[in-house]
Amino acid sequence: TADKGNSSAQLRYGMHLWQKENNYIEAFKYLKNSANSKDPAAMFIVGKAYWNGINGIVQDKALGAQYLKSAAAEAHPKAKNFCDEQGILI
């Protein structure tokens, strides 16, 4: 389960909180845990949230770029495209 450290469960629960309940700060905790467990989709979401500074997440482009680069290195297509569009060198 998400509370027991399962990365894919953290991603799913975090996305549920983000999209269905608009509980962005709580969602971000789960998404960040999943990203730190090397889930490429979570790395992309967390990186983009930091990059853009959205929904109560404090903007930090340097940290966002780290997550986005990691997701791109794991062949996440949206992360690769985002990095290309934003001039983030992979």
C-alpha atoms as a PDB file:
ATOM      1  CA  THR A   1       0.000   0.000   0.000  1.00  0.00           C
ATOM      2  CA  ALA A   2       0.985   3.640  -0.352  1.00  0.00           C
ATOM      3  CA  ASP A   3       1.590   4.073   3.377  1.00  0.00           C
ATOM      4  CA  LYS A   4       3.869   1.036   3.443  1.00  0.00           C
ATOM      5  CA  GLY A   5       6.196   2.387   0.740  1.00  0.00           C
ATOM      6  CA  ASN A   6       4.859   0.715  -2.404  1.00  0.00           C
ATOM      7  CA  SER A   7       6.026   3.081  -5.156  1.00  0.00           C
ATOM      8  CA  SER A   8       3.252   2.386  -7.657  1.00  0.00           C
ATOM      9  CA  ALA A   9       0.610   2.624  -4.902  1.00  0.00           C
ATOM     10  CA  GLN A  10       2.108   5.951  -3.832  1.00  0.00           C
ATOM     11  CA  LEU A  11       1.879   7.199  -7.409  1.00  0.00           C
ATOM     12  CA  ARG A  12      -1.742   6.076  -7.791  1.00  0.00           C
ATOM     13  CA  TYR A  13      -2.834   7.458  -4.422  1.00  0.00           C
ATOM     14  CA  GLY A  14      -0.958  10.703  -4.968  1.00  0.00           C
ATOM     15  CA  MET A  15      -2.638  11.179  -8.345  1.00  0.00           C
ATOM     16  CA  HIS A  16      -6.032  10.429  -6.791  1.00  0.00           C
ATOM     17  CA  LEU A  17      -5.475  13.088  -4.129  1.00  0.00           C
ATOM     18  CA  TRP A  18      -4.201  15.555  -6.756  1.00  0.00           C
ATOM     19  CA  GLN A  19      -6.899  15.068  -9.389  1.00  0.00           C
ATOM     20  CA  LYS A  20      -9.999  14.007  -7.454  1.00  0.00           C
ATOM     21  CA  GLU A  21      -9.639  15.703  -4.087  1.00  0.00           C
ATOM     22  CA  ASN A  22      -7.488  18.740  -4.954  1.00  0.00           C
ATOM     23  CA  ASN A  23      -5.386  17.914  -1.896  1.00  0.00           C
ATOM     24  CA  TYR A  24      -2.157  19.016  -3.533  1.00  0.00           C
ATOM     25  CA  ILE A  25       0.175  19.183  -0.543  1.00  0.00           C
ATOM     26  CA  GLU A  26      -0.754  15.703   0.739  1.00  0.00           C
ATOM     27  CA  ALA A  27      -0.674  14.350  -2.815  1.00  0.00           C
ATOM     28  CA  PHE A  28       2.786  15.810  -3.353  1.00  0.00           C
ATOM     29  CA  LYS A  29       4.135  13.881  -0.343  1.00  0.00           C
ATOM     30  CA  TYR A  30       3.070  10.582  -1.908  1.00  0.00           C
ATOM     31  CA  LEU A  31       4.211  11.584  -5.383  1.00  0.00           C
ATOM     32  CA  LYS A  32       7.603  12.682  -4.081  1.00  0.00           C
ATOM     33  CA  ASN A  33       8.042   9.405  -2.178  1.00  0.00           C
ATOM     34  CA  SER A  34       7.281   7.517  -5.377  1.00  0.00           C
ATOM     35  CA  ALA A  35       9.674   9.723  -7.351  1.00  0.00           C
ATOM     36  CA  ASN A  36      12.413   9.152  -4.783  1.00  0.00           C
ATOM     37  CA  SER A  37      11.848   5.413  -5.299  1.00  0.00           C
ATOM     38  CA  LYS A  38      12.773   5.988  -8.971  1.00  0.00           C
ATOM     39  CA  ASP A  39       9.291   5.785 -10.529  1.00  0.00           C
ATOM     40  CA  PRO A  40       9.715   7.667 -13.856  1.00  0.00           C
ATOM     41  CA  ALA A  41       6.099   8.878 -14.029  1.00  0.00           C
ATOM     42  CA  ALA A  42       6.303  10.249 -10.496  1.00  0.00           C
ATOM     43  CA  MET A  43       9.683  11.848 -11.232  1.00  0.00           C
ATOM     44  CA  PHE A  44       8.100  13.641 -14.193  1.00  0.00           C
ATOM     45  CA  ILE A  45       5.095  14.871 -12.187  1.00  0.00           C
ATOM     46  CA  VAL A  46       7.217  16.031  -9.248  1.00  0.00           C
ATOM     47  CA  GLY A  47       9.765  17.654 -11.543  1.00  0.00           C
ATOM     48  CA  LYS A  48       7.099  19.532 -13.439  1.00  0.00           C
ATOM     49  CA  ALA A  49       5.421  20.668 -10.206  1.00  0.00           C
ATOM     50  CA  TYR A  50       8.722  22.045  -8.899  1.00  0.00           C
ATOM     51  CA  TRP A  51       9.599  23.559 -12.286  1.00  0.00           C
ATOM     52  CA  ASN A  52       6.278  25.396 -12.584  1.00  0.00           C
ATOM     53  CA  GLY A  53       5.599  26.041  -8.902  1.00  0.00           C
ATOM     54  CA  ILE A  54       1.940  25.030  -9.052  1.00  0.00           C
ATOM     55  CA  ASN A  55      -0.832  24.315  -6.542  1.00  0.00           C
ATOM     56  CA  GLY A  56       1.081  25.380  -3.443  1.00  0.00           C
ATOM     57  CA  ILE A  57       4.338  23.722  -4.462  1.00  0.00           C
ATOM     58  CA  VAL A  58       7.137  26.280  -4.127  1.00  0.00           C
ATOM     59  CA  GLN A  59       8.891  26.807  -7.450  1.00  0.00           C
ATOM     60  CA  ASP A  60      12.410  25.397  -7.554  1.00  0.00           C
ATOM     61  CA  LYS A  61      13.617  25.070 -11.135  1.00  0.00           C
ATOM     62  CA  ALA A  62      16.930  23.476 -10.162  1.00  0.00           C
ATOM     63  CA  LEU A  63      15.238  20.722  -8.167  1.00  0.00           C
ATOM     64  CA  GLY A  64      12.570  20.351 -10.837  1.00  0.00           C
ATOM     65  CA  ALA A  65      15.260  19.923 -13.481  1.00  0.00           C
ATOM     66  CA  GLN A  66      16.893  17.149 -11.425  1.00  0.00           C
ATOM     67  CA  TYR A  67      13.659  15.166 -11.274  1.00  0.00           C
ATOM     68  CA  LEU A  68      12.883  15.835 -14.936  1.00  0.00           C
ATOM     69  CA  LYS A  69      16.369  14.732 -16.031  1.00  0.00           C
ATOM     70  CA  SER A  70      16.035  11.558 -13.976  1.00  0.00           C
ATOM     71  CA  ALA A  71      12.677  10.777 -15.571  1.00  0.00           C
ATOM     72  CA  ALA A  72      14.090  11.454 -19.046  1.00  0.00           C
ATOM     73  CA  ALA A  73      17.069   9.195 -18.294  1.00  0.00           C
ATOM     74  CA  GLU A  74      14.540   6.441 -17.536  1.00  0.00           C
ATOM     75  CA  ALA A  75      13.096   6.980 -21.041  1.00  0.00           C
ATOM     76  CA  HIS A  76       9.910   8.737 -19.898  1.00  0.00           C
ATOM     77  CA  PRO A  77       8.737  10.285 -23.210  1.00  0.00           C
ATOM     78  CA  LYS A  78       6.914  13.277 -21.707  1.00  0.00           C
ATOM     79  CA  ALA A  79       9.942  14.093 -19.564  1.00  0.00           C
ATOM     80  CA  LYS A  80      12.218  13.946 -22.613  1.00  0.00           C
ATOM     81  CA  ASN A  81       9.903  16.256 -24.541  1.00  0.00           C
ATOM     82  CA  PHE A  82       9.537  18.669 -21.627  1.00  0.00           C
ATOM     83  CA  CYS A  83      13.309  18.849 -21.160  1.00  0.00           C
ATOM     84  CA  ASP A  84      13.781  19.529 -24.871  1.00  0.00           C
ATOM     85  CA  GLU A  85      11.095  22.235 -24.881  1.00  0.00           C
ATOM     86  CA  GLN A  86      12.487  23.955 -21.774  1.00  0.00           C
ATOM     87  CA  GLY A  87      16.144  23.692 -22.763  1.00  0.00           C
ATOM     88  CA  ILE A  88      17.006  21.344 -19.901  1.00  0.00           C
ATOM     89  CA  LEU A  89      20.119  19.426 -20.910  1.00  0.00           C
ATOM     90  CA  ILE A  90      19.780  15.721 -20.228  1.00  0.00           C
END
